[in-house]
Amino acid sequence: MQRLVEQPSGDGEIFQGSRSLGSAHYHLSVYQHFSRAEDESVPANVEVEGHVRPHDVNVAELHQRRSELTLRLSDGRALDFWLIDNAGRLHSTGRQLYQP
């Protein structure tokens, strides 16, 4: 099962490695996965999905790169992600939100 635990949104910056590609507005949904069985030990697993609307970079060009990108959120956290499509939909690459 999964539960929605947070929905951060705001303006951040998109990076490819250490190089800034530009700023973007983002809206994310953070889901925590858990087991239904009370006696089952399951490590914390967080999945993030959402979308970005870049202000000064073409989202279709970013999608065509097919590379992992990093979004730095306005609160200082970061998210490594893949763009799913040319509309700016994104999905985390397995790492949850973190402090860089």
Protein backbone atom coordinates (compact mmCIF):
# COMPACT_ATOMS: atom_id res chain seq x y z
CA MET A 1 0.00 0.00 0.00
CA GLN A 2 1.02 3.60 -0.34
CA ARG A 3 0.03 6.82 1.34
CA LEU A 4 0.39 10.41 0.14
CA VAL A 5 2.57 12.10 2.77
CA GLU A 6 3.50 15.45 1.22
CA GLN A 7 2.77 17.70 -1.78
CA PRO A 8 5.54 20.30 -2.09
CA SER A 9 5.24 22.97 -4.77
CA GLY A 10 7.10 26.13 -5.63
CA ASP A 11 9.91 27.44 -7.79
CA GLY A 12 13.21 25.61 -7.98
CA GLU A 13 16.19 24.98 -10.22
CA ILE A 14 16.91 22.07 -12.55
CA PHE A 15 20.43 20.64 -12.74
CA GLN A 16 22.16 18.06 -14.89
CA GLY A 17 25.06 17.03 -12.71
CA SER A 18 26.52 20.23 -11.31
CA ARG A 19 25.36 22.38 -14.25
CA SER A 20 22.24 24.51 -13.81
CA LEU A 21 19.82 24.20 -16.74
CA GLY A 22 17.33 26.79 -15.54
CA SER A 23 14.49 27.52 -13.17
CA ALA A 24 11.10 25.81 -13.04
CA HIS A 25 7.83 25.73 -11.16
CA TYR A 26 7.16 22.29 -9.66
CA HIS A 27 4.36 20.39 -8.01
CA LEU A 28 5.25 17.04 -6.45
CA SER A 29 3.40 14.20 -4.73
CA VAL A 30 5.42 12.17 -2.23
CA TYR A 31 4.15 8.67 -1.49
CA GLN A 32 5.33 6.36 1.27
CA HIS A 33 4.94 2.63 0.69
CA PHE A 34 4.20 0.33 3.59
CA SER A 35 3.11 -3.23 4.28
CA ARG A 36 -0.39 -4.17 5.39
CA ALA A 37 0.91 -6.95 7.62
CA GLU A 38 1.62 -5.74 11.16
CA ASP A 39 4.37 -8.28 11.77
CA GLU A 40 6.11 -7.69 8.43
CA SER A 41 9.21 -5.52 8.50
CA VAL A 42 9.45 -3.38 5.36
CA PRO A 43 12.11 -0.71 4.91
CA ALA A 44 10.86 2.81 4.29
CA ASN A 45 10.29 3.33 0.58
CA VAL A 46 9.35 6.73 -0.80
CA GLU A 47 8.30 7.45 -4.36
CA VAL A 48 7.93 10.94 -5.84
CA GLU A 49 6.00 11.93 -8.93
CA GLY A 50 4.77 15.25 -10.26
CA HIS A 51 5.53 17.81 -12.90
CA VAL A 52 7.79 20.74 -13.69
CA ARG A 53 7.12 23.79 -15.82
CA PRO A 54 10.49 25.29 -16.73
CA HIS A 55 10.66 29.07 -17.00
CA ASP A 56 13.74 29.36 -19.18
CA VAL A 57 14.45 25.91 -20.64
CA ASN A 58 12.55 23.79 -23.16
CA VAL A 59 11.01 20.77 -21.41
CA ALA A 60 10.90 18.77 -24.67
CA GLU A 61 14.67 19.21 -25.05
CA LEU A 62 15.18 18.07 -21.46
CA HIS A 63 13.02 15.00 -22.09
CA GLN A 64 15.00 14.14 -25.25
CA ARG A 65 18.25 14.07 -23.25
CA ARG A 66 16.96 10.97 -21.43
CA SER A 67 19.28 11.64 -18.53
CA GLU A 68 18.83 11.88 -14.80
CA LEU A 69 18.18 15.43 -13.66
CA THR A 70 18.08 17.03 -10.23
CA LEU A 71 15.49 19.50 -9.01
CA ARG A 72 16.53 21.77 -6.16
CA LEU A 73 13.41 22.76 -4.28
CA SER A 74 12.80 26.17 -2.72
CA ASP A 75 13.15 24.65 0.78
CA GLY A 76 16.73 23.47 0.05
CA ARG A 77 15.96 19.80 -0.58
CA ALA A 78 16.74 18.06 -3.85
CA LEU A 79 15.14 15.33 -5.96
CA ASP A 80 16.80 13.19 -8.62
CA PHE A 81 14.29 12.43 -11.39
CA TRP A 82 13.55 11.39 -14.96
CA LEU A 83 11.19 13.30 -17.21
CA ILE A 84 8.47 10.91 -18.35
CA ASP A 85 7.18 13.01 -21.25
CA ASN A 86 7.37 16.35 -23.08
CA ALA A 87 4.66 17.78 -20.82
CA GLY A 88 7.05 17.89 -17.85
CA ARG A 89 5.75 14.88 -15.89
CA LEU A 90 8.47 13.45 -13.69
CA HIS A 91 9.22 10.42 -11.54
CA SER A 92 11.91 10.01 -8.91
CA THR A 93 14.84 7.79 -9.80
CA GLY A 94 14.63 5.78 -6.60
CA ARG A 95 16.03 8.27 -4.15
CA GLN A 96 13.70 10.27 -1.98
CA LEU A 97 13.92 14.01 -1.31
CA TYR A 98 17.28 14.75 0.30
CA GLN A 99 19.52 17.55 1.53
CA PRO A 100 22.39 18.11 -0.96
